[in-house]
Amino acid sequence: DDGIDILVDLSGHTGASRLPLFARRLAPVQATWLGYLNTTGLAAMDYLIADEVAVPPADGPHFTETVARLPHSFLCFRPPPSVPEVRNPPCLSGDAITFGCFNNTAKLSRQVISVWAEIMRRVPNARIHLKCRIDTKGESEYYGGLFADYGIGGDRVIFTKYLPRDRYYDEFAKLDIALDPFPYNGGTTTIDTLWMGIPVVSLRGNRYLSRLGASILTTVGMEE
């Protein structure tokens, strides 16, 4: 009755999604994009919008949808109306290198922590700055304990509580190099980090959500 020609899903299999409506074929052309980095598995979903780095042609058989690849990144970004100026990295003032990750801590598995701890062991006096989502004390104790398990003392791990967006951008001035979590890469956080002039190191994985960092970095000309 609404006369929709193309209907786009933004949620996939996430909370409060509307996939049952797509299964009923509400439009002649239906596509999924952005919110769920995998196939929906729905025969009624015609297209998945991605790019060649995130979903290379060889991965096509793993998707029930036809993969429609945009010429650059499948993501988009609107710069915030007001952010602090990009500043010189702290290490240029004689401080130790400060790594950082402002992603949701749910992405920081023991495997991720073990790799980051190894990086810190190879960079004398390096620190790492993490942003907690909910309970700063509880999360800092838990993740601080994981770093300690791999030989990185608490004095080298810095935690910041969750901040409103206008104050969040100020925190980037404390970082020299950002580390991208894996296998679930950062998305908006990675773009925010690059926007504030912080280099990001990402590990290219073997699936869609593990190639998000590679897609973003390739788009900005940093495919190395």
Protein backbone atom coordinates (compact mmCIF):
# COMPACT_ATOMS: atom_id res chain seq x y z
CA ASP A 1 0.00 0.00 0.00
CA ASP A 2 2.92 2.38 0.67
CA GLY A 3 4.29 1.79 -2.82
CA ILE A 4 7.86 1.21 -1.65
CA ASP A 5 10.23 0.38 -4.52
CA ILE A 6 13.43 -0.31 -2.57
CA LEU A 7 13.43 -1.19 1.13
CA VAL A 8 16.70 -1.09 3.10
CA ASP A 9 17.34 -2.92 6.38
CA LEU A 10 19.78 -1.26 8.81
CA SER A 11 19.68 -3.80 11.65
CA GLY A 12 20.07 -7.39 10.47
CA HIS A 13 19.94 -9.86 13.37
CA THR A 14 20.26 -7.27 16.14
CA GLY A 15 17.86 -6.21 18.88
CA ALA A 16 14.41 -5.03 17.74
CA SER A 17 15.19 -5.77 14.10
CA ARG A 18 12.44 -5.91 11.47
CA LEU A 19 13.65 -8.91 9.47
CA PRO A 20 10.27 -10.72 9.77
CA LEU A 21 8.80 -7.89 7.68
CA PHE A 22 11.48 -8.29 5.02
CA ALA A 23 10.75 -12.02 4.95
CA ARG A 24 7.21 -11.12 3.88
CA ARG A 25 8.58 -9.21 0.86
CA LEU A 26 7.30 -5.67 1.38
CA ALA A 27 9.12 -4.27 -1.66
CA PRO A 28 10.27 -5.63 -5.02
CA VAL A 29 13.88 -4.82 -4.16
CA GLN A 30 15.20 -5.36 -0.60
CA ALA A 31 18.72 -4.72 0.69
CA THR A 32 20.60 -4.86 3.98
CA TRP A 33 23.34 -2.43 5.02
CA LEU A 34 25.39 -1.16 7.93
CA GLY A 35 24.06 -2.55 11.20
CA TYR A 36 24.87 -6.26 10.91
CA LEU A 37 28.13 -7.28 9.27
CA ASN A 38 27.08 -10.66 7.93
CA THR A 39 24.53 -12.29 5.69
CA THR A 40 20.94 -12.20 6.92
CA GLY A 41 20.31 -15.65 5.47
CA LEU A 42 16.94 -14.47 4.14
CA ALA A 43 15.96 -15.61 0.67
CA ALA A 44 13.83 -12.45 0.40
CA MET A 45 16.84 -10.15 0.99
CA ASP A 46 18.14 -9.37 -2.49
CA TYR A 47 21.28 -7.36 -1.81
CA LEU A 48 23.92 -6.76 0.84
CA ILE A 49 25.65 -3.38 0.48
CA ALA A 50 29.39 -3.62 1.15
CA ASP A 51 32.71 -2.88 -0.57
CA GLU A 52 35.49 -4.92 -2.16
CA VAL A 53 37.77 -4.88 0.89
CA ALA A 54 35.11 -5.76 3.47
CA VAL A 55 33.53 -8.47 1.31
CA PRO A 56 35.87 -9.50 -1.52
CA PRO A 57 34.41 -11.38 -4.50
CA ALA A 58 35.73 -14.71 -3.19
CA ASP A 59 33.42 -14.39 -0.18
CA GLY A 60 30.30 -14.03 -2.31
CA PRO A 61 29.19 -17.69 -1.92
CA HIS A 62 28.95 -17.20 1.87
CA PHE A 63 26.07 -14.72 1.43
CA THR A 64 22.49 -15.51 0.48
CA GLU A 65 22.26 -11.95 -0.86
CA THR A 66 23.92 -10.59 -3.99
CA VAL A 67 26.77 -8.40 -2.70
CA ALA A 68 26.51 -4.86 -4.08
CA ARG A 69 29.96 -3.31 -3.68
CA LEU A 70 30.29 0.45 -3.41
CA PRO A 71 33.38 1.92 -5.13
CA HIS A 72 35.00 3.03 -1.85
CA SER A 73 34.01 2.19 1.73
CA PHE A 74 30.46 1.03 2.37
CA LEU A 75 30.47 3.37 5.39
CA CYS A 76 29.71 7.08 5.49
CA PHE A 77 30.82 9.77 7.93
CA ARG A 78 29.53 13.20 8.76
CA PRO A 79 32.16 15.19 10.67
CA PRO A 80 30.92 16.56 13.99
CA PRO A 81 30.06 20.28 13.93
CA SER A 82 32.75 21.14 16.46
CA VAL A 83 35.86 19.26 17.56
CA PRO A 84 39.16 20.29 19.18
CA GLU A 85 42.10 21.08 16.96
CA VAL A 86 44.37 18.19 16.06
CA ARG A 87 47.38 18.42 18.36
CA ASN A 88 50.92 17.05 18.27
CA PRO A 89 51.15 13.51 19.69
CA PRO A 90 52.25 13.31 23.35
CA CYS A 91 55.42 11.38 22.44
CA LEU A 92 56.85 14.51 20.77
CA SER A 93 56.96 16.12 24.22
CA GLY A 94 59.26 13.38 25.49
CA ASP A 95 56.53 11.15 26.94
CA ALA A 96 56.43 7.40 26.41
CA ILE A 97 54.37 6.13 23.48
CA THR A 98 50.69 5.95 24.42
CA PHE A 99 48.62 3.38 22.58
CA GLY A 100 44.86 3.58 22.90
CA CYS A 101 41.51 2.05 22.07
CA PHE A 102 38.22 3.87 22.64
CA ASN A 103 36.04 1.02 21.36
CA ASN A 104 33.41 -0.74 23.45
CA THR A 105 35.29 -2.92 25.94
CA ALA A 106 33.09 -5.89 24.94
CA LYS A 107 35.42 -6.18 21.93
CA LEU A 108 38.51 -6.62 24.11
CA SER A 109 38.89 -10.38 24.47
CA ARG A 110 41.73 -12.11 26.24
CA GLN A 111 43.30 -12.77 22.84
CA VAL A 112 43.22 -9.06 21.99
CA ILE A 113 44.78 -8.15 25.34
CA SER A 114 47.53 -10.76 24.87
CA VAL A 115 48.51 -9.27 21.49
CA TRP A 116 48.46 -5.70 22.79
CA ALA A 117 50.51 -6.71 25.82
CA GLU A 118 53.12 -8.19 23.47
CA ILE A 119 53.24 -4.89 21.57
CA MET A 120 53.78 -3.03 24.84
CA ARG A 121 56.56 -5.41 25.88
CA ARG A 122 58.38 -4.50 22.67
CA VAL A 123 58.00 -0.75 23.23
CA PRO A 124 59.75 0.21 26.49
CA ASN A 125 57.62 2.22 28.94
CA ALA A 126 54.67 2.30 26.52
CA ARG A 127 51.23 2.84 28.00
CA ILE A 128 47.75 2.03 26.80
CA HIS A 129 44.64 4.18 27.25
CA LEU A 130 41.23 2.48 27.27
CA LYS A 131 37.73 3.95 27.56
CA CYS A 132 35.24 2.18 29.83
CA ARG A 133 31.62 2.00 28.78
CA ILE A 134 29.68 1.50 32.01
CA ASP A 135 31.45 0.85 35.31
CA THR A 136 34.89 2.42 35.30
CA LYS A 137 36.06 0.72 38.52
CA GLY A 138 34.75 -2.73 37.69
CA GLU A 139 35.97 -2.68 34.09
CA SER A 140 39.35 -1.21 34.98
CA GLU A 141 39.93 -3.94 37.55
CA TYR A 142 38.94 -6.67 35.10
CA TYR A 143 40.91 -5.46 32.09
CA GLY A 144 43.80 -4.29 34.25
CA GLY A 145 43.94 -7.84 35.59
CA LEU A 146 44.11 -9.25 32.07
CA PHE A 147 47.07 -7.02 31.21
CA ALA A 148 48.73 -8.07 34.48
CA ASP A 149 48.33 -11.72 33.45
CA TYR A 150 50.55 -10.91 30.47
CA GLY A 151 53.15 -9.00 32.45
CA ILE A 152 51.93 -5.41 31.97
CA GLY A 153 51.66 -3.54 35.28
CA GLY A 154 48.73 -1.35 36.23
CA ASP A 155 50.84 1.81 36.01
CA ARG A 156 50.98 1.30 32.23
CA VAL A 157 47.22 0.90 31.73
CA ILE A 158 45.06 4.06 31.80
CA PHE A 159 41.27 4.05 31.95
CA THR A 160 38.85 6.85 31.10
CA LYS A 161 35.19 6.71 32.00
CA TYR A 162 32.48 7.03 29.39
CA LEU A 163 32.19 10.67 28.27
CA PRO A 164 29.56 12.63 26.31
CA ARG A 165 30.48 13.08 22.67
CA ASP A 166 31.64 16.70 22.94
CA ARG A 167 34.20 15.75 25.61
CA TYR A 168 35.10 12.44 23.99
CA TYR A 169 37.04 14.16 21.21
CA ASP A 170 39.32 15.86 23.74
CA GLU A 171 40.60 12.44 24.83
CA PHE A 172 42.28 11.79 21.49
CA ALA A 173 44.96 14.33 22.33
CA LYS A 174 46.27 11.79 24.87
CA LEU A 175 47.02 9.12 22.22
CA ASP A 176 49.94 8.52 19.88
CA ILE A 177 48.73 5.34 18.14
CA ALA A 178 45.32 3.65 18.23
CA LEU A 179 44.94 -0.14 18.17
CA ASP A 180 41.90 -1.66 16.49
CA PRO A 181 40.28 -4.62 18.30
CA PHE A 182 39.80 -7.93 16.53
CA PRO A 183 38.04 -9.98 15.30
CA TYR A 184 35.33 -7.31 15.79
CA ASN A 185 36.94 -4.15 14.42
CA GLY A 186 35.95 -0.61 15.25
CA GLY A 187 33.77 1.37 12.85
CA THR A 188 32.66 4.86 13.85
CA THR A 189 35.33 4.92 16.57
CA THR A 190 38.05 4.23 13.99
CA ILE A 191 36.80 7.04 11.76
CA ASP A 192 36.60 9.42 14.74
CA THR A 193 40.18 8.47 15.65
CA LEU A 194 41.47 9.15 12.15
CA TRP A 195 39.51 12.43 12.01
CA MET A 196 41.42 13.55 15.11
CA GLY A 197 44.76 12.78 13.45
CA ILE A 198 45.61 9.57 15.28
CA PRO A 199 47.10 6.71 13.22
CA VAL A 200 45.24 3.40 13.56
CA VAL A 201 46.78 -0.08 13.36
CA SER A 202 44.28 -2.76 12.34
CA LEU A 203 44.50 -6.52 11.81
CA ARG A 204 42.79 -7.66 8.61
CA GLY A 205 40.66 -10.72 9.39
CA ASN A 206 38.94 -13.41 7.36
CA ARG A 207 35.34 -12.18 7.53
CA TYR A 208 33.21 -9.09 7.02
CA LEU A 209 33.31 -7.64 10.56
CA SER A 210 37.04 -8.38 10.74
CA ARG A 211 37.79 -6.31 7.65
CA LEU A 212 36.09 -3.12 8.77
CA GLY A 213 39.40 -1.52 9.76
CA ALA A 214 41.02 -2.56 6.48
CA SER A 215 38.09 -1.09 4.53
CA ILE A 216 38.34 2.26 6.33
CA LEU A 217 42.13 2.50 6.10
CA THR A 218 42.14 1.55 2.41
CA THR A 219 39.54 4.23 1.71
CA VAL A 220 41.73 6.93 3.27
CA GLY A 221 44.79 5.75 1.33
CA MET A 222 46.51 3.89 4.18
CA GLU A 223 46.12 0.33 2.90
CA GLU A 224 49.55 -0.65 4.23
